[in-house]
């Protein structure tokens, strides 16, 4: 017998899960860029206090967006788990 695939079937992630995971990745990238910008500004003392305030506000927005995407991902996974429980 020739088995070329994995032992368990691969189920594609739902669209909601994909969107939530992509949202988390985008926000983490945004956070990395934001932190690097603040670090560069502090190192060269070029970051004005208004810019620093903007960066901190933006970081708070990023954290909220990551949390929202994480909740969406969790809800999507719960729905998928419920569907699998019902079908099993």
PDB file of N, CA and C in Angstrom:
ATOM      1  N   UNK A   1       0.838  -1.166   0.000  1.00  0.00           N
ATOM      2  CA  UNK A   1       0.000   0.000   0.000  1.00  0.00           C
ATOM      3  C   UNK A   1       0.891   1.240   0.000  1.00  0.00           C
ATOM      4  N   UNK A   2       0.557   2.203  -0.824  1.00  0.00           N
ATOM      5  CA  UNK A   2       1.330   3.420  -0.948  1.00  0.00           C
ATOM      6  C   UNK A   2       0.551   4.585  -0.344  1.00  0.00           C
ATOM      7  N   UNK A   3       1.013   5.083   0.800  1.00  0.00           N
ATOM      8  CA  UNK A   3       0.346   6.207   1.452  1.00  0.00           C
ATOM      9  C   UNK A   3       1.246   7.426   1.301  1.00  0.00           C
ATOM     10  N   UNK A   4       0.757   8.410   0.591  1.00  0.00           N
ATOM     11  CA  UNK A   4       1.575   9.591   0.338  1.00  0.00           C
ATOM     12  C   UNK A   4       1.198  10.773   1.221  1.00  0.00           C
ATOM     13  N   UNK A   5       0.003  10.757   1.817  1.00  0.00           N
ATOM     14  CA  UNK A   5      -0.456  11.889   2.620  1.00  0.00           C
ATOM     15  C   UNK A   5      -0.301  11.625   4.096  1.00  0.00           C
ATOM     16  N   UNK A   6      -0.664  12.605   4.906  1.00  0.00           N
ATOM     17  CA  UNK A   6      -0.587  12.443   6.355  1.00  0.00           C
ATOM     18  C   UNK A   6      -1.627  11.437   6.844  1.00  0.00           C
ATOM     19  N   UNK A   7      -1.413  10.906   8.033  1.00  0.00           N
ATOM     20  CA  UNK A   7      -2.322   9.911   8.592  1.00  0.00           C
ATOM     21  C   UNK A   7      -3.688  10.500   8.875  1.00  0.00           C
ATOM     22  N   UNK A   8      -3.733  11.766   9.276  1.00  0.00           N
ATOM     23  CA  UNK A   8      -5.004  12.414   9.544  1.00  0.00           C
ATOM     24  C   UNK A   8      -5.325  13.368   8.401  1.00  0.00           C
ATOM     25  N   UNK A   9      -6.606  13.476   8.049  1.00  0.00           N
ATOM     26  CA  UNK A   9      -6.952  14.386   6.955  1.00  0.00           C
ATOM     27  C   UNK A   9      -6.677  15.831   7.338  1.00  0.00           C
ATOM     28  N   UNK A  10      -6.302  16.613   6.366  1.00  0.00           N
ATOM     29  CA  UNK A  10      -6.060  18.032   6.599  1.00  0.00           C
ATOM     30  C   UNK A  10      -7.343  18.806   6.315  1.00  0.00           C
ATOM     31  N   UNK A  11      -7.816  19.547   7.300  1.00  0.00           N
ATOM     32  CA  UNK A  11      -9.004  20.360   7.124  1.00  0.00           C
ATOM     33  C   UNK A  11      -8.561  21.798   6.912  1.00  0.00           C
ATOM     34  N   UNK A  12      -9.074  22.416   5.859  1.00  0.00           N
ATOM     35  CA  UNK A  12      -8.684  23.807   5.632  1.00  0.00           C
ATOM     36  C   UNK A  12      -9.242  24.712   6.723  1.00  0.00           C
ATOM     37  N   UNK A  13      -8.496  25.718   7.067  1.00  0.00           N
ATOM     38  CA  UNK A  13      -8.955  26.676   8.070  1.00  0.00           C
ATOM     39  C   UNK A  13     -10.114  27.475   7.492  1.00  0.00           C
ATOM     40  N   UNK A  14     -11.033  27.861   8.347  1.00  0.00           N
ATOM     41  CA  UNK A  14     -12.160  28.652   7.886  1.00  0.00           C
ATOM     42  C   UNK A  14     -11.681  30.031   7.462  1.00  0.00           C
ATOM     43  N   UNK A  15     -12.499  30.704   6.677  1.00  0.00           N
ATOM     44  CA  UNK A  15     -12.149  32.055   6.249  1.00  0.00           C
ATOM     45  C   UNK A  15     -11.987  32.974   7.456  1.00  0.00           C
ATOM     46  N   UNK A  16     -12.855  32.826   8.444  1.00  0.00           N
ATOM     47  CA  UNK A  16     -12.766  33.677   9.638  1.00  0.00           C
ATOM     48  C   UNK A  16     -11.440  33.456  10.350  1.00  0.00           C
ATOM     49  N   UNK A  17     -11.013  32.217  10.451  1.00  0.00           N
ATOM     50  CA  UNK A  17      -9.728  31.922  11.090  1.00  0.00           C
ATOM     51  C   UNK A  17      -8.571  32.517  10.309  1.00  0.00           C
ATOM     52  N   UNK A  18      -8.632  32.393   8.993  1.00  0.00           N
ATOM     53  CA  UNK A  18      -7.568  32.938   8.146  1.00  0.00           C
ATOM     54  C   UNK A  18      -7.485  34.456   8.281  1.00  0.00           C
ATOM     55  N   UNK A  19      -8.649  35.105   8.271  1.00  0.00           N
ATOM     56  CA  UNK A  19      -8.683  36.566   8.374  1.00  0.00           C
ATOM     57  C   UNK A  19      -8.155  37.010   9.736  1.00  0.00           C
ATOM     58  N   UNK A  20      -8.580  36.327  10.803  1.00  0.00           N
ATOM     59  CA  UNK A  20      -8.130  36.690  12.155  1.00  0.00           C
ATOM     60  C   UNK A  20      -6.624  36.481  12.297  1.00  0.00           C
ATOM     61  N   UNK A  21      -6.115  35.362  11.797  1.00  0.00           N
ATOM     62  CA  UNK A  21      -4.676  35.094  11.892  1.00  0.00           C
ATOM     63  C   UNK A  21      -3.881  36.117  11.086  1.00  0.00           C
ATOM     64  N   UNK A  22      -4.366  36.474   9.916  1.00  0.00           N
ATOM     65  CA  UNK A  22      -3.693  37.484   9.097  1.00  0.00           C
ATOM     66  C   UNK A  22      -3.728  38.844   9.795  1.00  0.00           C
ATOM     67  N   UNK A  23      -4.851  39.152  10.436  1.00  0.00           N
ATOM     68  CA  UNK A  23      -4.952  40.404  11.182  1.00  0.00           C
ATOM     69  C   UNK A  23      -3.941  40.475  12.313  1.00  0.00           C
ATOM     70  N   UNK A  24      -3.771  39.362  13.005  1.00  0.00           N
ATOM     71  CA  UNK A  24      -2.776  39.314  14.086  1.00  0.00           C
ATOM     72  C   UNK A  24      -1.378  39.523  13.517  1.00  0.00           C
ATOM     73  N   UNK A  25      -1.062  38.836  12.420  1.00  0.00           N
ATOM     74  CA  UNK A  25       0.264  38.997  11.796  1.00  0.00           C
ATOM     75  C   UNK A  25       0.505  40.452  11.372  1.00  0.00           C
ATOM     76  N   UNK A  26      -0.503  41.069  10.766  1.00  0.00           N
ATOM     77  CA  UNK A  26      -0.352  42.458  10.319  1.00  0.00           C
ATOM     78  C   UNK A  26      -0.110  43.394  11.497  1.00  0.00           C
ATOM     79  N   UNK A  27      -0.845  43.195  12.577  1.00  0.00           N
ATOM     80  CA  UNK A  27      -0.683  44.068  13.739  1.00  0.00           C
ATOM     81  C   UNK A  27       0.671  43.863  14.412  1.00  0.00           C
ATOM     82  N   UNK A  28       1.148  42.634  14.445  1.00  0.00           N
ATOM     83  CA  UNK A  28       2.467  42.385  15.033  1.00  0.00           C
ATOM     84  C   UNK A  28       3.570  43.022  14.191  1.00  0.00           C
ATOM     85  N   UNK A  29       3.416  42.988  12.879  1.00  0.00           N
ATOM     86  CA  UNK A  29       4.360  43.663  11.989  1.00  0.00           C
ATOM     87  C   UNK A  29       4.321  45.167  12.239  1.00  0.00           C
ATOM     88  N   UNK A  30       3.116  45.682  12.352  1.00  0.00           N
ATOM     89  CA  UNK A  30       2.935  47.112  12.632  1.00  0.00           C
ATOM     90  C   UNK A  30       3.578  47.498  13.972  1.00  0.00           C
ATOM     91  N   UNK A  31       3.404  46.635  14.970  1.00  0.00           N
ATOM     92  CA  UNK A  31       4.000  46.895  16.280  1.00  0.00           C
ATOM     93  C   UNK A  31       5.524  46.891  16.200  1.00  0.00           C
ATOM     94  N   UNK A  32       6.084  45.922  15.487  1.00  0.00           N
ATOM     95  CA  UNK A  32       7.542  45.871  15.313  1.00  0.00           C
ATOM     96  C   UNK A  32       8.064  47.159  14.674  1.00  0.00           C
ATOM     97  N   UNK A  33       7.367  47.626  13.636  1.00  0.00           N
ATOM     98  CA  UNK A  33       7.783  48.849  12.953  1.00  0.00           C
ATOM     99  C   UNK A  33       7.679  50.054  13.886  1.00  0.00           C
ATOM    100  N   UNK A  34       6.603  50.089  14.661  1.00  0.00           N
ATOM    101  CA  UNK A  34       6.382  51.187  15.581  1.00  0.00           C
ATOM    102  C   UNK A  34       7.453  51.231  16.666  1.00  0.00           C
ATOM    103  N   UNK A  35       7.751  50.075  17.235  1.00  0.00           N
ATOM    104  CA  UNK A  35       8.770  50.000  18.286  1.00  0.00           C
ATOM    105  C   UNK A  35      10.141  50.383  17.727  1.00  0.00           C
ATOM    106  N   UNK A  36      10.446  49.918  16.517  1.00  0.00           N
ATOM    107  CA  UNK A  36      11.728  50.266  15.893  1.00  0.00           C
ATOM    108  C   UNK A  36      11.822  51.770  15.650  1.00  0.00           C
ATOM    109  N   UNK A  37      10.716  52.377  15.237  1.00  0.00           N
ATOM    110  CA  UNK A  37      10.695  53.823  14.995  1.00  0.00           C
ATOM    111  C   UNK A  37      10.957  54.586  16.302  1.00  0.00           C
ATOM    112  N   UNK A  38      10.309  54.158  17.362  1.00  0.00           N
ATOM    113  CA  UNK A  38      10.511  54.812  18.662  1.00  0.00           C
ATOM    114  C   UNK A  38      11.950  54.625  19.121  1.00  0.00           C
ATOM    115  N   UNK A  39      12.484  53.414  18.966  1.00  0.00           N
ATOM    116  CA  UNK A  39      13.856  53.137  19.396  1.00  0.00           C
ATOM    117  C   UNK A  39      14.860  53.982  18.604  1.00  0.00           C
ATOM    118  N   UNK A  40      14.647  54.103  17.295  1.00  0.00           N
ATOM    119  CA  UNK A  40      15.550  54.936  16.475  1.00  0.00           C
ATOM    120  C   UNK A  40      15.479  56.394  16.921  1.00  0.00           C
ATOM    121  N   UNK A  41      14.264  56.856  17.184  1.00  0.00           N
ATOM    122  CA  UNK A  41      14.086  58.246  17.599  1.00  0.00           C
ATOM    123  C   UNK A  41      14.715  58.525  18.939  1.00  0.00           C
ATOM    124  N   UNK A  42      14.594  57.593  19.869  1.00  0.00           N
ATOM    125  CA  UNK A  42      15.187  57.791  21.191  1.00  0.00           C
ATOM    126  C   UNK A  42      16.702  57.728  21.125  1.00  0.00           C
ATOM    127  N   UNK A  43      17.223  56.868  20.263  1.00  0.00           N
ATOM    128  CA  UNK A  43      18.673  56.739  20.140  1.00  0.00           C
ATOM    129  C   UNK A  43      19.285  58.020  19.580  1.00  0.00           C
ATOM    130  N   UNK A  44      18.578  58.650  18.647  1.00  0.00           N
ATOM    131  CA  UNK A  44      19.119  59.869  18.041  1.00  0.00           C
ATOM    132  C   UNK A  44      18.504  61.126  18.646  1.00  0.00           C
ATOM    133  N   UNK A  45      17.608  60.939  19.609  1.00  0.00           N
ATOM    134  CA  UNK A  45      16.920  62.051  20.276  1.00  0.00           C
ATOM    135  C   UNK A  45      16.137  62.889  19.263  1.00  0.00           C
ATOM    136  N   UNK A  46      15.726  62.255  18.153  1.00  0.00           N
ATOM    137  CA  UNK A  46      15.016  62.976  17.102  1.00  0.00           C
ATOM    138  C   UNK A  46      13.501  62.861  17.240  1.00  0.00           C
ATOM    139  N   UNK A  47      13.043  62.025  18.142  1.00  0.00           N
ATOM    140  CA  UNK A  47      11.609  61.801  18.285  1.00  0.00           C
ATOM    141  C   UNK A  47      11.032  62.881  19.189  1.00  0.00           C
ATOM    142  N   UNK A  48      10.224  63.763  18.629  1.00  0.00           N
ATOM    143  CA  UNK A  48       9.598  64.825  19.409  1.00  0.00           C
ATOM    144  C   UNK A  48       8.576  64.220  20.361  1.00  0.00           C
ATOM    145  N   UNK A  49       8.249  64.953  21.407  1.00  0.00           N
ATOM    146  CA  UNK A  49       7.308  64.412  22.400  1.00  0.00           C
ATOM    147  C   UNK A  49       5.950  64.120  21.768  1.00  0.00           C
ATOM    148  N   UNK A  50       5.512  64.920  20.806  1.00  0.00           N
ATOM    149  CA  UNK A  50       4.247  64.654  20.109  1.00  0.00           C
ATOM    150  C   UNK A  50       4.302  63.354  19.330  1.00  0.00           C
ATOM    151  N   UNK A  51       5.431  63.090  18.710  1.00  0.00           N
ATOM    152  CA  UNK A  51       5.606  61.848  17.972  1.00  0.00           C
ATOM    153  C   UNK A  51       5.629  60.657  18.920  1.00  0.00           C
ATOM    154  N   UNK A  52       6.260  60.848  20.066  1.00  0.00           N
ATOM    155  CA  UNK A  52       6.316  59.777  21.064  1.00  0.00           C
ATOM    156  C   UNK A  52       4.907  59.465  21.565  1.00  0.00           C
ATOM    157  N   UNK A  53       4.119  60.518  21.815  1.00  0.00           N
ATOM    158  CA  UNK A  53       2.735  60.319  22.247  1.00  0.00           C
ATOM    159  C   UNK A  53       1.935  59.585  21.173  1.00  0.00           C
ATOM    160  N   UNK A  54       2.129  59.988  19.914  1.00  0.00           N
ATOM    161  CA  UNK A  54       1.437  59.333  18.805  1.00  0.00           C
ATOM    162  C   UNK A  54       1.819  57.859  18.735  1.00  0.00           C
ATOM    163  N   UNK A  55       3.096  57.577  18.928  1.00  0.00           N
ATOM    164  CA  UNK A  55       3.570  56.196  18.873  1.00  0.00           C
ATOM    165  C   UNK A  55       2.946  55.359  19.993  1.00  0.00           C
ATOM    166  N   UNK A  56       2.836  55.944  21.178  1.00  0.00           N
ATOM    167  CA  UNK A  56       2.230  55.206  22.292  1.00  0.00           C
ATOM    168  C   UNK A  56       0.744  54.968  22.063  1.00  0.00           C
ATOM    169  N   UNK A  57       0.069  55.947  21.505  1.00  0.00           N
ATOM    170  CA  UNK A  57      -1.352  55.776  21.181  1.00  0.00           C
ATOM    171  C   UNK A  57      -1.503  54.694  20.114  1.00  0.00           C
ATOM    172  N   UNK A  58      -0.645  54.734  19.121  1.00  0.00           N
ATOM    173  CA  UNK A  58      -0.696  53.734  18.054  1.00  0.00           C
ATOM    174  C   UNK A  58      -0.434  52.334  18.617  1.00  0.00           C
ATOM    175  N   UNK A  59       0.496  52.217  19.556  1.00  0.00           N
ATOM    176  CA  UNK A  59       0.756  50.914  20.164  1.00  0.00           C
ATOM    177  C   UNK A  59      -0.463  50.409  20.917  1.00  0.00           C
ATOM    178  N   UNK A  60      -1.178  51.301  21.586  1.00  0.00           N
ATOM    179  CA  UNK A  60      -2.415  50.900  22.274  1.00  0.00           C
ATOM    180  C   UNK A  60      -3.452  50.411  21.272  1.00  0.00           C
ATOM    181  N   UNK A  61      -3.559  51.098  20.129  1.00  0.00           N
ATOM    182  CA  UNK A  61      -4.489  50.676  19.080  1.00  0.00           C
ATOM    183  C   UNK A  61      -4.101  49.300  18.532  1.00  0.00           C
ATOM    184  N   UNK A  62      -2.820  49.083  18.358  1.00  0.00           N
ATOM    185  CA  UNK A  62      -2.330  47.802  17.855  1.00  0.00           C
ATOM    186  C   UNK A  62      -2.691  46.678  18.826  1.00  0.00           C
ATOM    187  N   UNK A  63      -2.467  46.918  20.110  1.00  0.00           N
ATOM    188  CA  UNK A  63      -2.784  45.896  21.122  1.00  0.00           C
ATOM    189  C   UNK A  63      -4.275  45.568  21.090  1.00  0.00           C
ATOM    190  N   UNK A  64      -5.120  46.599  20.994  1.00  0.00           N
ATOM    191  CA  UNK A  64      -6.572  46.353  20.922  1.00  0.00           C
ATOM    192  C   UNK A  64      -6.938  45.550  19.677  1.00  0.00           C
ATOM    193  N   UNK A  65      -6.311  45.866  18.550  1.00  0.00           N
ATOM    194  CA  UNK A  65      -6.599  45.145  17.308  1.00  0.00           C
ATOM    195  C   UNK A  65      -6.154  43.682  17.410  1.00  0.00           C
ATOM    196  N   UNK A  66      -4.992  43.440  18.019  1.00  0.00           N
ATOM    197  CA  UNK A  66      -4.519  42.059  18.191  1.00  0.00           C
ATOM    198  C   UNK A  66      -5.481  41.292  19.085  1.00  0.00           C
ATOM    199  N   UNK A  67      -5.929  41.910  20.167  1.00  0.00           N
ATOM    200  CA  UNK A  67      -6.875  41.242  21.072  1.00  0.00           C
ATOM    201  C   UNK A  67      -8.181  40.931  20.359  1.00  0.00           C
ATOM    202  N   UNK A  68      -8.676  41.863  19.552  1.00  0.00           N
ATOM    203  CA  UNK A  68      -9.921  41.631  18.818  1.00  0.00           C
ATOM    204  C   UNK A  68      -9.761  40.485  17.827  1.00  0.00           C
ATOM    205  N   UNK A  69      -8.639  40.458  17.119  1.00  0.00           N
ATOM    206  CA  UNK A  69      -8.388  39.367  16.174  1.00  0.00           C
ATOM    207  C   UNK A  69      -8.228  38.034  16.908  1.00  0.00           C
ATOM    208  N   UNK A  70      -7.603  38.059  18.069  1.00  0.00           N
ATOM    209  CA  UNK A  70      -7.441  36.832  18.851  1.00  0.00           C
ATOM    210  C   UNK A  70      -8.803  36.304  19.309  1.00  0.00           C
ATOM    211  N   UNK A  71      -9.694  37.214  19.732  1.00  0.00           N
ATOM    212  CA  UNK A  71     -11.042  36.784  20.123  1.00  0.00           C
ATOM    213  C   UNK A  71     -11.795  36.198  18.936  1.00  0.00           C
ATOM    214  N   UNK A  72     -11.637  36.808  17.763  1.00  0.00           N
ATOM    215  CA  UNK A  72     -12.276  36.281  16.553  1.00  0.00           C
ATOM    216  C   UNK A  72     -11.747  34.897  16.212  1.00  0.00           C
ATOM    217  N   UNK A  73     -10.437  34.729  16.332  1.00  0.00           N
ATOM    218  CA  UNK A  73      -9.818  33.437  16.057  1.00  0.00           C
ATOM    219  C   UNK A  73     -10.315  32.384  17.045  1.00  0.00           C
ATOM    220  N   UNK A  74     -10.390  32.752  18.309  1.00  0.00           N
ATOM    221  CA  UNK A  74     -10.879  31.829  19.330  1.00  0.00           C
ATOM    222  C   UNK A  74     -12.329  31.433  19.062  1.00  0.00           C
ATOM    223  N   UNK A  75     -13.168  32.400  18.721  1.00  0.00           N
ATOM    224  CA  UNK A  75     -14.575  32.111  18.437  1.00  0.00           C
ATOM    225  C   UNK A  75     -14.712  31.206  17.218  1.00  0.00           C
ATOM    226  N   UNK A  76     -13.923  31.475  16.194  1.00  0.00           N
ATOM    227  CA  UNK A  76     -13.955  30.647  14.984  1.00  0.00           C
ATOM    228  C   UNK A  76     -13.535  29.215  15.295  1.00  0.00           C
ATOM    229  N   UNK A  77     -12.488  29.069  16.090  1.00  0.00           N
ATOM    230  CA  UNK A  77     -12.026  27.731  16.458  1.00  0.00           C
ATOM    231  C   UNK A  77     -13.065  26.993  17.300  1.00  0.00           C
ATOM    232  N   UNK A  78     -13.773  27.712  18.162  1.00  0.00           N
ATOM    233  CA  UNK A  78     -14.826  27.081  18.959  1.00  0.00           C
ATOM    234  C   UNK A  78     -15.962  26.598  18.073  1.00  0.00           C
ATOM    235  N   UNK A  79     -16.326  27.398  17.094  1.00  0.00           N
ATOM    236  CA  UNK A  79     -17.400  27.002  16.166  1.00  0.00           C
ATOM    237  C   UNK A  79     -16.972  25.769  15.373  1.00  0.00           C
ATOM    238  N   UNK A  80     -15.743  25.774  14.885  1.00  0.00           N
ATOM    239  CA  UNK A  80     -15.244  24.618  14.121  1.00  0.00           C
ATOM    240  C   UNK A  80     -15.224  23.385  15.027  1.00  0.00           C
ATOM    241  N   UNK A  81     -14.777  23.547  16.266  1.00  0.00           N
ATOM    242  CA  UNK A  81     -14.756  22.430  17.207  1.00  0.00           C
ATOM    243  C   UNK A  81     -16.155  21.894  17.470  1.00  0.00           C
ATOM    244  N   UNK A  82     -17.134  22.797  17.598  1.00  0.00           N
ATOM    245  CA  UNK A  82     -18.512  22.375  17.817  1.00  0.00           C
ATOM    246  C   UNK A  82     -19.036  21.612  16.612  1.00  0.00           C
ATOM    247  N   UNK A  83     -18.742  22.098  15.433  1.00  0.00           N
ATOM    248  CA  UNK A  83     -19.179  21.413  14.210  1.00  0.00           C
ATOM    249  C   UNK A  83     -18.563  20.025  14.133  1.00  0.00           C
ATOM    250  N   UNK A  84     -17.272  19.914  14.445  1.00  0.00           N
ATOM    251  CA  UNK A  84     -16.611  18.605  14.411  1.00  0.00           C
ATOM    252  C   UNK A  84     -17.198  17.684  15.465  1.00  0.00           C
ATOM    253  N   UNK A  85     -17.498  18.216  16.656  1.00  0.00           N
ATOM    254  CA  UNK A  85     -18.120  17.395  17.710  1.00  0.00           C
ATOM    255  C   UNK A  85     -19.468  16.861  17.259  1.00  0.00           C
ATOM    256  N   UNK A  86     -20.238  17.684  16.577  1.00  0.00           N
ATOM    257  CA  UNK A  86     -21.575  17.271  16.121  1.00  0.00           C
ATOM    258  C   UNK A  86     -21.454  16.209  15.041  1.00  0.00           C
ATOM    259  N   UNK A  87     -20.510  16.343  14.137  1.00  0.00           N
ATOM    260  CA  UNK A  87     -20.354  15.396  13.027  1.00  0.00           C
ATOM    261  C   UNK A  87     -19.732  14.086  13.453  1.00  0.00           C
ATOM    262  N   UNK A  88     -19.009  14.052  14.554  1.00  0.00           N
ATOM    263  CA  UNK A  88     -18.312  12.834  14.977  1.00  0.00           C
ATOM    264  C   UNK A  88     -19.239  11.870  15.603  1.00  0.00           C
TER     265      UNK A  88
END
